[in-house]
Protein backbone atom coordinates (compact mmCIF):
# COMPACT_ATOMS: atom_id res chain seq x y z
CA MET A 1 36.18 -5.37 4.01
CA MET A 2 37.39 -8.83 4.01
CA ILE A 3 37.54 -11.77 6.66
CA ASN A 4 39.37 -14.50 5.95
CA LEU A 5 39.01 -18.31 7.24
CA LYS A 6 39.96 -20.96 7.91
CA ASN A 7 41.24 -23.41 4.53
CA ASN A 8 42.10 -19.93 2.32
CA ILE A 9 38.50 -18.79 2.57
CA THR A 10 37.89 -15.46 2.48
CA ILE A 11 34.72 -13.99 2.72
CA GLU A 12 33.11 -10.42 1.72
CA THR A 13 30.99 -8.59 4.22
CA ILE A 14 28.73 -4.96 3.82
CA ASN A 15 28.86 -2.65 5.72
CA GLY A 16 25.15 -0.77 4.43
CA THR A 17 27.27 2.38 2.76
CA LEU A 18 26.48 3.38 -0.87
CA LYS A 19 29.36 4.81 -3.23
CA ASP A 20 27.13 7.23 -4.98
CA LEU A 21 29.81 9.03 -7.66
CA THR A 22 27.00 10.73 -8.95
CA THR A 23 25.53 13.99 -8.07
CA ASP A 24 22.16 14.25 -6.20
CA GLU A 25 19.59 16.09 -8.84
CA GLU A 26 17.75 17.50 -6.55
CA HIS A 27 20.43 19.90 -4.94
CA LEU A 28 22.61 20.43 -8.88
CA LYS A 29 22.00 23.86 -8.24
CA ASP A 30 23.95 23.85 -5.31
CA HIS A 31 27.33 23.30 -7.38
CA ILE A 32 26.55 26.50 -9.50
CA GLY A 33 30.28 26.35 -10.94
CA GLU A 34 31.90 23.17 -10.51
CA ARG A 35 32.55 20.39 -12.74
CA VAL A 36 29.36 17.47 -11.53
CA GLN A 37 28.81 14.09 -12.61
CA ILE A 38 25.06 12.82 -13.24
CA HIS A 39 23.03 10.06 -14.25
CA GLY A 40 19.86 9.51 -16.32
CA SER A 41 18.23 8.49 -19.20
CA ILE A 42 18.20 11.07 -22.37
CA TYR A 43 14.57 11.91 -22.92
CA LYS A 44 15.13 14.28 -26.24
CA ILE A 45 17.52 16.22 -28.17
CA ARG A 46 17.08 19.47 -29.96
CA LYS A 47 19.73 19.79 -32.35
CA MET A 48 20.04 23.65 -33.36
CA SER A 49 22.65 26.00 -36.05
CA GLY A 50 26.02 24.94 -34.24
CA PHE A 51 25.03 23.61 -30.97
CA SER A 52 22.03 21.10 -29.19
CA PHE A 53 19.69 20.52 -26.25
CA VAL A 54 20.13 17.50 -24.61
CA LEU A 55 17.27 17.03 -21.94
CA LEU A 56 18.27 14.39 -19.24
CA ARG A 57 15.54 12.35 -17.42
CA THR A 58 16.18 11.44 -14.30
CA LYS A 59 14.57 10.51 -11.64
CA ARG A 60 12.38 13.51 -10.74
CA ARG A 61 12.97 15.69 -13.04
CA ILE A 62 13.78 16.56 -16.81
CA VAL A 63 17.29 18.68 -17.02
CA GLN A 64 18.30 20.53 -19.60
CA CYS A 65 22.39 20.17 -21.16
CA ILE A 66 23.84 21.71 -23.43
CA TYR A 67 25.94 20.30 -25.91
CA SER A 68 28.65 22.19 -28.38
CA GLU A 69 31.57 20.70 -29.92
CA GLU A 70 33.14 23.93 -28.03
CA PHE A 71 33.57 22.12 -24.77
CA SER A 72 32.06 18.68 -25.36
CA GLU A 73 34.66 15.82 -25.91
CA PHE A 74 32.37 13.87 -27.93
CA ALA A 75 30.56 13.70 -31.36
CA ILE A 76 26.28 14.47 -31.12
CA ASP A 77 25.62 11.60 -32.67
CA LEU A 78 26.70 9.21 -30.47
CA LEU A 79 23.82 10.12 -28.28
CA GLU A 80 20.19 8.53 -28.61
CA GLU A 81 16.99 9.14 -27.18
CA GLU A 82 16.14 6.70 -23.98
CA SER A 83 20.26 5.56 -23.71
CA SER A 84 21.51 5.54 -20.26
CA ILE A 85 24.28 7.76 -19.57
CA VAL A 86 26.72 8.80 -16.79
CA LEU A 87 27.33 12.75 -17.83
CA THR A 88 30.33 14.31 -17.22
CA ALA A 89 29.24 18.74 -16.85
CA ASP A 90 29.81 21.98 -15.89
CA VAL A 91 26.92 23.57 -13.42
CA ILE A 92 26.38 26.84 -14.95
CA GLY A 93 23.53 29.38 -13.82
CA GLU A 94 20.95 30.34 -16.38
CA GLU A 95 17.99 32.78 -15.22
CA ARG A 96 15.99 31.21 -18.02
CA SER A 97 15.58 27.72 -17.29
CA LYS A 98 13.24 26.71 -14.91
CA LEU A 99 15.52 24.87 -12.84
CA GLY A 100 17.65 28.40 -12.59
CA PHE A 101 20.84 26.27 -14.13
CA ASP A 102 21.78 24.24 -17.29
CA LEU A 103 24.36 21.90 -17.72
CA ARG A 104 27.35 21.83 -20.02
CA MET A 105 28.37 18.66 -21.05
CA ILE A 106 32.20 17.79 -20.77
CA THR A 107 32.42 13.95 -21.23
CA VAL A 108 29.40 11.31 -21.91
CA THR A 109 29.78 7.44 -20.89
CA SER A 110 26.83 4.93 -22.34
CA LEU A 111 25.25 2.36 -20.16
CA SER A 112 22.88 1.25 -22.02
CA GLU A 113 20.92 1.75 -25.58
CA PRO A 114 17.43 1.43 -27.07
CA GLU A 115 16.45 -1.47 -29.35
CA ALA A 116 13.67 -0.39 -30.93
CA VAL A 117 11.75 3.56 -31.33
CA ALA A 118 8.70 4.17 -28.97
CA PRO A 119 5.77 3.41 -30.79
CA MET A 120 4.46 7.14 -29.75
CA VAL A 121 6.01 10.25 -28.82
CA ILE A 122 6.72 10.37 -25.62
CA ASN A 123 8.89 13.33 -24.84
CA ASN A 124 6.18 16.23 -25.82
CA LYS A 125 3.82 18.01 -23.16
CA CYS A 126 1.45 15.21 -23.29
CA VAL A 127 1.24 11.58 -24.77
CA ASN A 128 -0.75 12.16 -27.39
CA THR A 129 -2.52 9.07 -27.80
CA SER A 130 -5.70 6.88 -27.27
CA LEU A 131 -6.23 5.64 -23.50
CA GLU A 132 -5.92 2.03 -24.81
CA ASN A 133 -1.96 2.60 -26.13
CA LEU A 134 -1.53 4.68 -22.88
CA LEU A 135 -2.49 1.50 -20.94
CA ASN A 136 -1.03 -0.92 -23.07
CA TYR A 137 2.32 0.44 -23.78
CA ARG A 138 2.77 1.57 -19.96
CA PRO A 139 6.73 0.83 -18.98
CA ILE A 140 6.93 3.36 -21.88
CA THR A 141 4.67 6.50 -21.46
CA LEU A 142 4.99 6.07 -18.10
CA ARG A 143 8.67 7.94 -18.48
CA ASN A 144 6.68 11.10 -20.05
CA GLU A 145 7.22 13.44 -17.78
CA LYS A 146 3.57 14.42 -16.88
CA GLU A 147 2.57 10.59 -16.48
CA ARG A 148 5.08 10.17 -13.90
CA ALA A 149 4.54 13.67 -12.30
CA ILE A 150 1.17 11.95 -11.39
CA PHE A 151 2.31 9.25 -9.90
CA LYS A 152 5.16 10.65 -7.51
CA LEU A 153 2.05 13.56 -6.77
CA GLN A 154 -0.09 9.66 -5.86
CA GLU A 155 3.55 9.21 -3.83
CA GLY A 156 3.00 12.16 -1.65
CA ILE A 157 -0.63 11.62 -0.60
CA CYS A 158 -0.02 8.30 0.88
CA ASN A 159 2.98 10.00 3.03
CA ALA A 160 0.85 12.50 3.32
CA PHE A 161 -1.72 9.96 4.50
CA ARG A 162 0.51 8.11 6.92
CA ILE A 163 3.02 10.98 8.80
CA TYR A 164 -0.76 12.04 9.84
CA LEU A 165 -2.33 8.84 11.12
CA MET A 166 1.21 7.92 12.62
CA LYS A 167 1.47 11.12 14.52
CA ASN A 168 -2.74 10.13 15.34
CA LYS A 169 -1.25 7.19 17.14
CA PHE A 170 -2.25 4.63 14.77
CA THR A 171 -0.20 1.50 14.55
CA GLU A 172 -0.08 0.24 10.76
CA ILE A 173 -0.69 -2.89 9.85
CA HIS A 174 -0.65 -6.25 6.69
CA THR A 175 -3.96 -7.76 6.16
CA PRO A 176 -4.10 -11.28 4.20
CA LYS A 177 -5.29 -10.78 0.54
CA ILE A 178 -5.94 -14.28 0.39
CA VAL A 179 -9.38 -15.51 3.00
CA TYR A 180 -12.07 -17.46 3.80
CA ALA A 181 -14.97 -15.06 3.08
CA GLY A 182 -15.22 -11.61 1.63
CA ALA A 183 -15.60 -8.88 3.77
CA GLU A 184 -18.85 -7.75 1.99
CA GLY A 185 -19.84 -11.06 0.59
CA GLY A 186 -22.56 -10.94 -2.47
CA ALA A 187 -20.67 -12.63 -6.25
CA ASN A 188 -18.22 -9.54 -6.90
CA ILE A 189 -15.84 -11.67 -5.15
CA PHE A 190 -12.52 -12.91 -6.86
CA ARG A 191 -12.76 -17.31 -6.10
CA LEU A 192 -9.44 -19.22 -6.30
CA ASP A 193 -8.25 -22.50 -5.41
CA TYR A 194 -6.61 -23.03 -2.06
CA PHE A 195 -4.57 -26.40 -1.93
CA GLY A 196 -8.33 -28.00 -3.03
CA LYS A 197 -9.87 -25.03 -0.59
CA ASP A 198 -12.05 -22.71 -1.94
CA ALA A 199 -10.67 -19.09 -1.17
CA TYR A 200 -11.32 -15.52 -2.35
CA LEU A 201 -9.43 -12.72 -2.52
CA ALA A 202 -10.15 -9.79 -0.41
CA GLN A 203 -12.00 -7.01 -1.10
CA SER A 204 -11.15 -5.32 1.53
CA PRO A 205 -9.37 -5.37 5.25
CA GLN A 206 -12.69 -5.39 6.90
CA PHE A 207 -12.70 -8.16 9.66
CA TYR A 208 -8.93 -7.79 10.15
CA LYS A 209 -8.47 -3.74 10.71
CA GLN A 210 -12.03 -4.73 12.92
CA MET A 211 -9.56 -7.52 14.96
CA MET A 212 -6.50 -5.63 15.48
CA VAL A 213 -8.83 -2.57 17.25
CA GLY A 214 -8.70 -4.89 19.36
CA VAL A 215 -5.08 -4.55 20.16
CA TYR A 216 -4.05 -1.50 18.99
CA GLU A 217 -7.28 1.03 19.15
CA ARG A 218 -6.16 2.43 15.99
CA VAL A 219 -4.92 0.98 13.07
CA TYR A 220 -4.54 1.59 9.04
CA GLU A 221 -3.55 -0.46 6.16
CA ILE A 222 -2.56 1.28 2.26
CA ALA A 223 -2.66 -2.31 0.47
CA PRO A 224 -4.26 -4.10 -2.53
CA VAL A 225 -8.25 -4.88 -2.51
CA PHE A 226 -10.21 -6.45 -5.22
CA ARG A 227 -13.79 -6.80 -6.87
CA ALA A 228 -15.03 -8.96 -9.25
CA GLU A 229 -17.15 -5.70 -10.61
CA LYS A 230 -18.36 -6.95 -14.27
CA HIS A 231 -17.79 -2.40 -14.52
CA ASP A 232 -17.00 -1.38 -17.46
CA THR A 233 -16.87 2.60 -16.37
CA SER A 234 -15.10 4.87 -16.52
CA ARG A 235 -14.95 4.99 -11.96
CA HIS A 236 -14.23 0.85 -11.46
CA LEU A 237 -11.44 -0.73 -10.99
CA ASN A 238 -10.92 -4.60 -10.07
CA GLU A 239 -7.49 -4.17 -8.32
CA TYR A 240 -7.33 -0.57 -6.25
CA THR A 241 -5.97 0.74 -3.61
CA SER A 242 -7.89 0.94 -0.27
CA VAL A 243 -6.57 3.44 2.23
CA ASP A 244 -7.83 1.95 5.21
CA PHE A 245 -8.23 2.81 9.16
CA GLU A 246 -10.41 1.37 12.00
CA MET A 247 -10.31 3.15 15.37
CA GLY A 248 -11.24 2.06 18.74
CA TYR A 249 -13.44 4.36 21.97
CA ILE A 250 -15.22 6.81 19.79
CA GLU A 251 -18.61 7.88 21.06
CA SER A 252 -19.80 8.25 17.61
CA PHE A 253 -19.70 7.97 13.58
CA GLU A 254 -18.54 11.52 13.49
CA ASP A 255 -15.35 11.23 14.58
CA ILE A 256 -14.39 8.93 11.82
CA MET A 257 -15.42 11.92 10.03
CA GLU A 258 -13.52 14.63 11.88
CA MET A 259 -10.32 11.78 11.21
CA GLU A 260 -10.51 11.89 8.09
CA THR A 261 -11.63 15.52 7.19
CA GLY A 262 -7.92 16.26 9.13
CA MET A 263 -6.38 13.49 7.34
CA ILE A 264 -7.27 15.08 3.87
CA ARG A 265 -6.29 18.57 4.60
CA PHE A 266 -2.88 18.10 5.88
CA ALA A 267 -2.59 15.95 2.87
CA LEU A 268 -3.38 18.67 0.53
CA GLU A 269 -1.14 20.68 2.47
CA TYR A 270 1.46 18.13 2.57
CA LEU A 271 1.53 18.44 -1.45
CA MET A 272 1.48 22.10 -1.76
CA GLU A 273 4.66 21.90 0.46
CA ASN A 274 6.71 19.31 -1.02
CA TYR A 275 4.84 18.41 -4.52
CA GLN A 276 5.27 22.08 -6.25
CA GLU A 277 6.76 20.59 -9.27
CA GLU A 278 3.94 17.84 -9.86
CA ILE A 279 1.82 20.47 -9.14
CA GLU A 280 3.05 22.34 -11.85
CA ILE A 281 3.91 20.29 -14.35
CA LEU A 282 0.11 18.72 -13.73
CA LYS A 283 -1.21 22.67 -13.77
CA VAL A 284 -3.77 21.11 -10.25
CA LYS A 285 -5.78 22.78 -8.55
CA ILE A 286 -5.23 22.25 -5.04
CA PRO A 287 -8.26 22.68 -3.03
CA THR A 288 -8.37 24.04 0.64
CA VAL A 289 -10.62 22.08 3.94
CA SER A 290 -10.98 23.63 6.26
CA GLU A 291 -14.22 21.80 7.18
CA ILE A 292 -16.32 19.55 5.15
CA PRO A 293 -20.23 19.80 4.33
CA VAL A 294 -22.25 17.05 6.01
CA ILE A 295 -26.02 15.77 4.73
CA LYS A 296 -28.04 13.39 5.21
CA PHE A 297 -28.34 10.32 2.39
CA LEU A 298 -32.66 11.17 2.18
CA GLU A 299 -32.21 14.80 2.48
CA ALA A 300 -29.37 15.09 0.00
CA LYS A 301 -32.08 13.16 -2.46
CA GLU A 302 -34.96 14.93 -1.80
CA LEU A 303 -32.78 18.07 -2.32
CA ILE A 304 -31.23 17.24 -5.93
CA ALA A 305 -34.68 16.00 -6.78
CA GLN A 306 -36.79 19.37 -5.86
CA THR A 307 -33.29 21.55 -7.24
CA TYR A 308 -33.25 20.03 -10.21
CA LYS A 309 -36.99 18.46 -11.18
CA ARG A 310 -35.82 14.85 -11.01
CA GLU A 311 -37.29 11.78 -9.95
CA ILE A 312 -36.18 10.19 -7.55
CA ARG A 313 -35.71 6.27 -8.91
CA ASP A 314 -33.61 4.83 -6.06
CA TYR A 315 -34.11 4.82 -2.78
CA GLU A 316 -30.80 3.09 -1.32
CA ASP A 317 -27.76 5.08 -3.48
CA PHE A 318 -27.08 7.47 -5.47
CA GLU A 319 -26.42 7.73 -9.54
CA PRO A 320 -24.04 8.72 -10.94
CA GLU A 321 -24.99 11.90 -12.01
CA GLU A 322 -26.59 12.75 -8.52
CA GLU A 323 -23.29 12.58 -7.47
CA LYS A 324 -22.16 15.37 -9.64
CA LEU A 325 -25.33 17.30 -9.16
CA LEU A 326 -25.18 17.10 -5.12
CA HIS A 327 -21.20 19.01 -5.99
CA GLU A 328 -22.42 21.43 -7.80
CA LEU A 329 -25.60 22.36 -5.11
CA MET A 330 -22.62 21.87 -2.19
CA TYR A 331 -20.14 23.70 -3.74
CA GLN A 332 -22.54 27.01 -4.87
CA MET A 333 -24.08 26.93 -1.05
CA THR A 334 -20.73 26.30 0.71
CA GLY A 335 -17.54 26.34 -1.33
CA SER A 336 -16.68 23.04 -0.76
CA GLU A 337 -15.34 20.60 -2.97
CA PHE A 338 -16.04 17.76 -0.57
CA VAL A 339 -19.23 16.62 1.15
CA PHE A 340 -20.08 14.31 3.99
CA VAL A 341 -23.07 11.95 2.78
CA THR A 342 -24.65 10.33 5.94
CA HIS A 343 -26.65 7.70 7.16
CA TYR A 344 -27.56 5.49 4.40
CA PRO A 345 -30.12 2.80 4.45
CA SER A 346 -29.92 -0.19 6.46
CA LYS A 347 -30.34 -2.53 2.88
CA LYS A 348 -27.59 -0.93 0.91
CA ARG A 349 -25.08 -1.10 4.00
CA PRO A 350 -22.82 -4.28 4.98
CA PHE A 351 -23.96 -7.07 7.58
CA TYR A 352 -21.41 -5.01 9.96
CA ALA A 353 -22.91 -1.49 9.61
CA MET A 354 -24.27 0.09 12.81
CA GLU A 355 -27.91 0.88 12.90
CA ASP A 356 -29.26 3.80 14.10
CA LYS A 357 -31.01 3.48 17.36
CA ASN A 358 -33.63 6.30 16.66
CA ASN A 359 -34.14 4.86 12.39
CA ARG A 360 -33.42 1.16 12.34
CA GLU A 361 -34.22 1.84 8.43
CA GLU A 362 -30.89 4.01 8.93
CA THR A 363 -27.19 3.51 9.11
CA LEU A 364 -24.59 5.02 11.22
CA SER A 365 -22.44 5.19 8.02
CA PHE A 366 -21.46 7.91 5.55
CA ASP A 367 -19.60 8.38 2.62
CA LEU A 368 -17.31 11.46 1.10
CA LEU A 369 -17.54 12.32 -2.14
CA PHE A 370 -14.94 14.49 -3.72
CA ARG A 371 -15.79 16.54 -6.80
CA GLY A 372 -19.27 14.60 -7.83
CA LEU A 373 -17.47 11.10 -7.07
CA GLU A 374 -17.37 8.63 -4.23
CA ILE A 375 -14.16 8.24 -3.14
CA THR A 376 -14.85 7.07 0.82
CA THR A 377 -17.32 4.78 2.72
CA GLY A 378 -17.24 4.50 6.50
CA GLY A 379 -18.97 4.08 9.15
CA GLN A 380 -19.41 2.37 12.96
CA ARG A 381 -19.36 -1.11 13.72
CA ILE A 382 -21.06 -3.32 15.71
CA HIS A 383 -19.11 -3.95 18.00
CA ASN A 384 -21.82 -6.52 20.35
CA TYR A 385 -21.69 -10.37 20.17
CA GLN A 386 -25.53 -10.95 20.28
CA GLU A 387 -26.05 -7.45 18.09
CA GLN A 388 -23.73 -8.75 15.20
CA VAL A 389 -24.91 -12.45 15.45
CA MET A 390 -29.09 -11.18 15.42
CA LYS A 391 -28.03 -8.99 12.39
CA MET A 392 -26.18 -11.48 10.45
CA GLN A 393 -29.13 -13.92 10.93
CA SER A 394 -32.00 -11.58 9.48
CA LYS A 395 -29.12 -11.39 6.28
CA GLY A 396 -29.98 -14.77 5.75
CA MET A 397 -25.82 -15.87 6.89
CA ILE A 398 -24.43 -18.46 8.37
CA VAL A 399 -22.55 -17.59 11.59
CA GLU A 400 -20.74 -20.30 11.65
CA HIS A 401 -18.81 -19.49 8.68
CA PHE A 402 -17.64 -16.49 9.92
CA GLU A 403 -16.64 -17.49 13.80
CA SER A 404 -13.11 -16.22 13.43
CA TYR A 405 -14.53 -12.81 12.83
CA LEU A 406 -16.96 -13.57 15.54
CA MET A 407 -14.03 -14.37 18.16
CA MET A 408 -13.72 -10.61 18.48
CA HIS A 409 -16.79 -9.66 19.21
CA LYS A 410 -17.15 -13.01 21.70
CA TYR A 411 -14.29 -11.95 24.11
CA GLY A 412 -15.18 -7.90 24.25
CA MET A 413 -15.04 -5.62 21.61
CA PRO A 414 -14.71 -1.08 22.69
CA PRO A 415 -17.33 1.10 20.16
CA HIS A 416 -15.21 1.63 17.22
CA GLY A 417 -15.13 2.22 13.26
CA GLY A 418 -13.46 3.14 10.48
CA LEU A 419 -13.12 3.47 6.34
CA GLY A 420 -11.56 2.49 3.05
CA LEU A 421 -10.51 5.50 0.87
CA GLY A 422 -10.14 4.74 -2.97
CA LEU A 423 -6.05 6.43 -4.06
CA GLU A 424 -6.80 6.32 -7.27
CA ARG A 425 -9.94 8.10 -7.01
CA PHE A 426 -9.10 10.34 -4.85
CA THR A 427 -6.05 11.40 -7.15
CA SER A 428 -8.15 11.06 -9.74
CA ARG A 429 -10.59 13.87 -9.19
CA LEU A 430 -7.68 15.84 -7.57
CA LEU A 431 -6.45 15.84 -11.07
CA ASN A 432 -9.79 16.11 -12.33
CA GLN A 433 -9.54 13.74 -14.49
CA ASP A 434 -12.50 11.73 -16.66
CA ASN A 435 -11.09 7.94 -16.15
CA VAL A 436 -9.43 6.64 -12.71
CA ARG A 437 -7.22 4.46 -14.90
CA LEU A 438 -5.59 7.56 -16.21
CA ALA A 439 -4.42 7.61 -12.04
CA THR A 440 -3.66 3.96 -12.25
CA LEU A 441 -0.34 3.04 -12.38
CA PHE A 442 -0.82 -0.93 -14.14
CA PRO A 443 -5.21 -0.61 -14.29
CA ARG A 444 -7.01 -4.04 -13.92
CA ASP A 445 -10.48 -4.06 -15.25
CA ILE A 446 -12.69 -6.89 -16.77
CA ASN A 447 -10.37 -6.44 -19.95
CA ARG A 448 -7.15 -5.59 -19.07
CA LEU A 449 -4.72 -7.42 -17.49
CA THR A 450 -1.11 -6.69 -18.65
CA PRO A 451 1.26 -5.00 -18.13
């Protein structure tokens, strides 16, 4: 639309309606027997005797196209892998195709062509290269059908979490990632110069999600968090996506575990219903969750020690091998691939963790392990001002540095608690990967800052 103003000035307006002349790839099967227009990138060309197969990579699928001099109005040599094109084609029913149809190529308009050949083959079932190369050339290797399916599935996990939490009356919030103090303190925080003041990258939205319980009662956030841990392992990242929720007016920290159990059950069912294509590509075994077994931390340590004749060396946390062994035991005993471990030692948990009134050495907290890896940490928080101040003082903390955090306690807070789930770890265990970086779009670890 055009609007004429004074002095012969004319302006255009935008009405928010996108004119898309190409056919939606997800509905191509509805157009069998018709001529359509579709865009995408040429994924692979296989020249045969008298015809060619051209695989077109669209935003979600690899669509098989047929080229033949008999009906195609251009030369096959004009096509190049990784060119972006607009294709006019006839949709032909084909039972042997996994999509149920093929596209007979009629005309092609080239939108762009690559300047170089990819440094590795990306159009096979897997990208056959090292983890280092896979990550170094991430913008290219993610074009592989299997690699990109990982993050489409991860999208489904996030969608499901959001839907479930919204259905359960949670409000989505967005908290600062530049903060005055770390949620958990210690040396594993990234320091930065904030206009001459010391500031840090947020380890977690902990303080803010607790504050917002006093506003909305139930809140959640899916956002990056930062840990300056100098770990170089297959399970650690220095930036990862945390799925956090916090809920007020709880009767017990078990309310939080119940909410997470429901959330995970819903997410897995949601994937089965909406992401079958990615599940098939990745050969994912989606577990069934009806309920999740619960075991106390010390009892779990003793059970592992007795069953596998292992000495308990660390009474404050699990060793990675112990997590794997606990998974084996729980799976044998209950059939569950998830297990909640509760009542972690007070020494191990942060200052805001509520202690068990029956045993002050233990906290009303938990971890959720999935196939032998911790994916969630959560628990009930201290909501009483005096109790929180005393806990901080007992840990040698300078209370004055946390005035903005303690403000909510001073002016009244309901009993509350919550958790943080590592999205990349959850995805990685779901896919049975041996390295969390494989489930991270652009990993940040102690060695990697690009791409």
